[in-house]
Amino acid sequence: MSSHAARVDSSPRLRALLSALLQAGDRGLTALDVFQQTGSLNAHSCVHELRENGYEIRCDPQIVGGRRVYRYQLGPLRRSSTHEG
């Protein structure tokens, strides 16, 4: 199955998420953090698109206040784009 991921170099939405992840560092971002910092309501889809662009992003599920929360963290910046053009 192929993905129709946007290219990071031409997507302000993906660049905003990448910037927010870089600023968050090891703390990472929850979906709420992503919304508050980028306006995106679909953190999981944007993370998928960044992964398709060659970025390593970890997703750490946690239980906070009895609820499952996912925290996204940017991995080492060894990016090799899958969008050669």
C-alpha atoms as a PDB file:
ATOM      1  CA  MET A   1       0.000   0.000   0.000  1.00  0.00           C
ATOM      2  CA  SER A   2       1.362   3.404  -0.892  1.00  0.00           C
ATOM      3  CA  SER A   3       0.964   6.633   1.001  1.00  0.00           C
ATOM      4  CA  HIS A   4       0.239  10.072  -0.432  1.00  0.00           C
ATOM      5  CA  ALA A   5       2.331  11.888   2.150  1.00  0.00           C
ATOM      6  CA  ALA A   6       3.123  15.540   1.596  1.00  0.00           C
ATOM      7  CA  ARG A   7       6.764  16.528   1.209  1.00  0.00           C
ATOM      8  CA  VAL A   8       8.178  18.234   4.263  1.00  0.00           C
ATOM      9  CA  ASP A   9       9.930  20.872   2.127  1.00  0.00           C
ATOM     10  CA  SER A  10       6.633  22.007   0.588  1.00  0.00           C
ATOM     11  CA  SER A  11       4.258  21.565   3.547  1.00  0.00           C
ATOM     12  CA  PRO A  12       3.968  24.322   6.174  1.00  0.00           C
ATOM     13  CA  ARG A  13       1.854  21.905   8.244  1.00  0.00           C
ATOM     14  CA  LEU A  14       4.616  19.279   8.400  1.00  0.00           C
ATOM     15  CA  ARG A  15       7.338  21.883   8.952  1.00  0.00           C
ATOM     16  CA  ALA A  16       5.343  23.275  11.894  1.00  0.00           C
ATOM     17  CA  LEU A  17       5.090  19.819  13.474  1.00  0.00           C
ATOM     18  CA  LEU A  18       8.769  19.078  12.855  1.00  0.00           C
ATOM     19  CA  SER A  19       9.722  22.394  14.454  1.00  0.00           C
ATOM     20  CA  ALA A  20       7.485  21.696  17.479  1.00  0.00           C
ATOM     21  CA  LEU A  21       9.011  18.216  17.893  1.00  0.00           C
ATOM     22  CA  LEU A  22      12.521  19.656  17.699  1.00  0.00           C
ATOM     23  CA  GLN A  23      11.678  22.263  20.341  1.00  0.00           C
ATOM     24  CA  ALA A  24      10.060  19.652  22.613  1.00  0.00           C
ATOM     25  CA  GLY A  25      13.170  17.469  22.613  1.00  0.00           C
ATOM     26  CA  ASP A  26      13.031  14.453  24.923  1.00  0.00           C
ATOM     27  CA  ARG A  27       9.797  15.726  26.514  1.00  0.00           C
ATOM     28  CA  GLY A  28       7.954  14.994  23.275  1.00  0.00           C
ATOM     29  CA  LEU A  29       4.442  16.130  22.380  1.00  0.00           C
ATOM     30  CA  THR A  30       0.985  14.760  23.049  1.00  0.00           C
ATOM     31  CA  ALA A  31      -1.789  15.148  20.471  1.00  0.00           C
ATOM     32  CA  LEU A  32      -3.070  18.074  22.558  1.00  0.00           C
ATOM     33  CA  ASP A  33       0.383  19.690  22.467  1.00  0.00           C
ATOM     34  CA  VAL A  34       0.475  19.234  18.696  1.00  0.00           C
ATOM     35  CA  PHE A  35      -2.915  20.937  18.370  1.00  0.00           C
ATOM     36  CA  GLN A  36      -1.930  23.805  20.661  1.00  0.00           C
ATOM     37  CA  GLN A  37       1.341  24.422  18.828  1.00  0.00           C
ATOM     38  CA  THR A  38       0.377  23.747  15.209  1.00  0.00           C
ATOM     39  CA  GLY A  39      -3.429  23.880  15.034  1.00  0.00           C
ATOM     40  CA  SER A  40      -3.522  20.327  13.642  1.00  0.00           C
ATOM     41  CA  LEU A  41      -6.258  18.026  14.916  1.00  0.00           C
ATOM     42  CA  ASN A  42      -4.733  14.948  13.280  1.00  0.00           C
ATOM     43  CA  ALA A  43      -1.353  14.478  14.954  1.00  0.00           C
ATOM     44  CA  HIS A  44      -1.194  10.780  14.056  1.00  0.00           C
ATOM     45  CA  SER A  45      -1.622  11.490  10.331  1.00  0.00           C
ATOM     46  CA  CYS A  46       0.996  14.230  10.346  1.00  0.00           C
ATOM     47  CA  VAL A  47       3.408  11.951  12.232  1.00  0.00           C
ATOM     48  CA  HIS A  48       2.806   9.280   9.584  1.00  0.00           C
ATOM     49  CA  GLU A  49       3.653  11.777   6.859  1.00  0.00           C
ATOM     50  CA  LEU A  50       6.871  12.809   8.623  1.00  0.00           C
ATOM     51  CA  ARG A  51       7.809   9.132   8.869  1.00  0.00           C
ATOM     52  CA  GLU A  52       7.146   8.766   5.136  1.00  0.00           C
ATOM     53  CA  ASN A  53       9.599  11.644   4.652  1.00  0.00           C
ATOM     54  CA  GLY A  54      12.281   9.650   6.457  1.00  0.00           C
ATOM     55  CA  TYR A  55      12.005  11.014   9.995  1.00  0.00           C
ATOM     56  CA  GLU A  56      12.074   8.634  12.932  1.00  0.00           C
ATOM     57  CA  ILE A  57       9.307   9.449  15.384  1.00  0.00           C
ATOM     58  CA  ARG A  58       8.635   7.340  18.442  1.00  0.00           C
ATOM     59  CA  CYS A  59       5.187   7.032  19.953  1.00  0.00           C
ATOM     60  CA  ASP A  60       5.194   6.312  23.682  1.00  0.00           C
ATOM     61  CA  PRO A  61       1.798   5.336  25.141  1.00  0.00           C
ATOM     62  CA  GLN A  62       1.325   6.460  28.748  1.00  0.00           C
ATOM     63  CA  ILE A  63      -1.497   6.340  31.278  1.00  0.00           C
ATOM     64  CA  VAL A  64      -2.217   9.825  32.640  1.00  0.00           C
ATOM     65  CA  GLY A  65      -5.104  10.325  35.032  1.00  0.00           C
ATOM     66  CA  GLY A  66      -6.487   6.909  34.080  1.00  0.00           C
ATOM     67  CA  ARG A  67      -6.475   7.763  30.346  1.00  0.00           C
ATOM     68  CA  ARG A  68      -4.172   6.591  27.596  1.00  0.00           C
ATOM     69  CA  VAL A  69      -2.046   9.424  26.195  1.00  0.00           C
ATOM     70  CA  TYR A  70       0.398   9.092  23.315  1.00  0.00           C
ATOM     71  CA  ARG A  71       3.587  11.133  23.388  1.00  0.00           C
ATOM     72  CA  TYR A  72       5.467  11.660  20.113  1.00  0.00           C
ATOM     73  CA  GLN A  73       9.239  12.127  20.188  1.00  0.00           C
ATOM     74  CA  LEU A  74      11.579  12.860  17.309  1.00  0.00           C
ATOM     75  CA  GLY A  75      14.332  10.271  16.976  1.00  0.00           C
ATOM     76  CA  PRO A  76      17.893  10.860  15.790  1.00  0.00           C
ATOM     77  CA  LEU A  77      18.024  13.119  12.754  1.00  0.00           C
ATOM     78  CA  ARG A  78      19.294  10.581  10.246  1.00  0.00           C
ATOM     79  CA  ARG A  79      16.862  11.579   7.541  1.00  0.00           C
ATOM     80  CA  SER A  80      16.908   9.887   4.161  1.00  0.00           C
ATOM     81  CA  SER A  81      13.931  11.075   2.176  1.00  0.00           C
ATOM     82  CA  THR A  82      11.704   8.528   0.473  1.00  0.00           C
ATOM     83  CA  HIS A  83      10.652  11.308  -1.914  1.00  0.00           C
ATOM     84  CA  GLU A  84      13.526  11.481  -4.358  1.00  0.00           C
ATOM     85  CA  GLY A  85      12.763  13.747  -7.156  1.00  0.00           C
END
